[in-house]
Amino acid sequence: MHYLLPEALPEDKPVRATIRAFEQFPKGVRLTLQLEVQNLQTDVEVAVRLNDQPMAGWQRDGNSRLTAPVTPEMLRQGSNPVDTQLVKGSAKSADPRTVVALELHAVRE
């Protein structure tokens, strides 16, 4: 499931996108939420909420991608709102951060 944006990431309010999930994920499926942000500097902090619950465990995957684990219990059948907000901008670059992709990945193990 893939939601294309792009959308500038402001500090004062979250950007909302919706991921639609119509599958029930069985045991043995590893789920991750991946966020691609242009101009993602190493000192930038981003907060993400899935279905109004804060997400933790974010790790960088390359220069512009963040990845966090998702459990099947965190997802609803149908629409799943995802709010993304810039918590801390970069001292290295005044250029805006832009969310260009939000993806839910499911990998059978």
Protein backbone atom coordinates (compact mmCIF):
# COMPACT_ATOMS: atom_id res chain seq x y z
CA MET A 1 0.00 0.00 0.00
CA HIS A 2 1.51 3.25 -1.09
CA TYR A 3 0.31 6.81 -0.65
CA LEU A 4 1.97 9.43 -2.84
CA LEU A 5 2.06 12.94 -1.58
CA PRO A 6 4.20 15.32 -1.93
CA GLU A 7 3.47 17.70 0.91
CA ALA A 8 5.67 20.25 2.72
CA LEU A 9 6.29 19.31 6.35
CA PRO A 10 5.62 22.33 8.60
CA GLU A 11 6.56 22.62 12.27
CA ASP A 12 3.26 24.13 13.38
CA LYS A 13 0.77 21.47 12.25
CA PRO A 14 0.80 17.84 11.11
CA VAL A 15 0.38 16.66 7.54
CA ARG A 16 -2.34 14.00 7.33
CA ALA A 17 -2.36 11.17 4.84
CA THR A 18 -4.42 7.99 4.85
CA ILE A 19 -3.28 4.45 4.29
CA ARG A 20 -6.03 2.03 3.38
CA ALA A 21 -5.60 -1.56 4.58
CA PHE A 22 -8.14 -4.15 3.49
CA GLU A 23 -6.13 -7.25 4.32
CA GLN A 24 -5.79 -9.05 7.62
CA PHE A 25 -2.12 -9.76 8.14
CA PRO A 26 -1.36 -13.23 9.50
CA LYS A 27 1.48 -14.18 11.82
CA GLY A 28 4.77 -14.40 10.00
CA VAL A 29 4.26 -11.12 8.15
CA ARG A 30 6.62 -8.29 9.07
CA LEU A 31 5.03 -4.85 8.64
CA THR A 32 6.85 -1.53 8.41
CA LEU A 33 5.72 2.02 7.79
CA GLN A 34 8.16 3.90 5.58
CA LEU A 35 8.31 7.64 5.15
CA GLU A 36 10.38 9.37 2.47
CA VAL A 37 11.29 12.99 3.15
CA GLN A 38 13.26 15.23 0.78
CA ASN A 39 16.02 17.26 2.44
CA LEU A 40 16.01 15.02 5.51
CA GLN A 41 19.10 16.17 7.39
CA THR A 42 20.62 14.11 10.21
CA ASP A 43 19.49 16.63 12.86
CA VAL A 44 15.83 16.73 11.73
CA GLU A 45 13.24 15.19 14.09
CA VAL A 46 9.87 13.96 12.81
CA ALA A 47 6.88 12.75 14.85
CA VAL A 48 4.40 10.29 13.34
CA ARG A 49 1.02 9.12 14.64
CA LEU A 50 -0.84 6.15 13.17
CA ASN A 51 -4.56 6.07 14.07
CA ASP A 52 -3.87 8.80 16.67
CA GLN A 53 -1.21 6.65 18.40
CA PRO A 54 2.42 7.84 18.45
CA MET A 55 4.84 5.60 16.58
CA ALA A 56 8.25 4.70 17.96
CA GLY A 57 11.28 2.81 16.71
CA TRP A 58 12.06 4.99 13.71
CA GLN A 59 15.33 4.24 11.94
CA ARG A 60 16.98 5.87 8.98
CA ASP A 61 17.14 3.82 5.82
CA GLY A 62 19.36 5.80 3.48
CA ASN A 63 19.45 9.59 3.13
CA SER A 64 15.76 10.35 2.82
CA ARG A 65 13.83 7.39 4.26
CA LEU A 66 12.61 6.59 7.77
CA THR A 67 11.28 3.14 8.72
CA ALA A 68 9.35 1.97 11.79
CA PRO A 69 7.80 -1.37 12.75
CA VAL A 70 4.01 -1.76 12.70
CA THR A 71 2.00 -4.54 14.31
CA PRO A 72 -1.25 -5.81 12.78
CA GLU A 73 -3.08 -4.59 15.91
CA MET A 74 -2.07 -1.00 15.09
CA LEU A 75 -4.03 -1.13 11.81
CA ARG A 76 -7.76 -0.87 11.21
CA GLN A 77 -9.64 -2.43 8.34
CA GLY A 78 -10.10 0.40 5.83
CA SER A 79 -8.74 3.90 6.46
CA ASN A 80 -5.75 4.48 8.75
CA PRO A 81 -4.86 8.17 9.19
CA VAL A 82 -1.17 8.99 9.51
CA ASP A 83 -0.14 12.38 10.90
CA THR A 84 3.44 13.50 10.29
CA GLN A 85 4.93 16.61 11.87
CA LEU A 86 8.33 18.25 11.90
CA VAL A 87 9.42 18.43 15.55
CA LYS A 88 12.82 19.98 14.95
CA GLY A 89 14.12 21.55 11.77
CA SER A 90 17.71 21.49 10.62
CA ALA A 91 20.47 23.90 11.54
CA LYS A 92 22.27 22.72 8.40
CA SER A 93 19.61 23.63 5.85
CA ALA A 94 16.75 26.12 5.76
CA ASP A 95 15.24 24.36 2.74
CA PRO A 96 11.82 22.84 3.45
CA ARG A 97 11.36 19.18 4.25
CA THR A 98 8.84 17.56 1.89
CA VAL A 99 7.13 14.22 2.46
CA VAL A 100 7.12 12.52 -0.92
CA ALA A 101 5.97 9.00 -0.01
CA LEU A 102 4.27 7.09 2.79
CA GLU A 103 4.29 3.31 2.40
CA LEU A 104 3.12 0.30 4.36
CA HIS A 105 5.36 -2.68 3.58
CA ALA A 106 4.35 -6.28 4.29
CA VAL A 107 7.02 -8.98 3.98
CA ARG A 108 6.32 -12.66 4.57
CA GLU A 109 9.03 -14.22 6.69
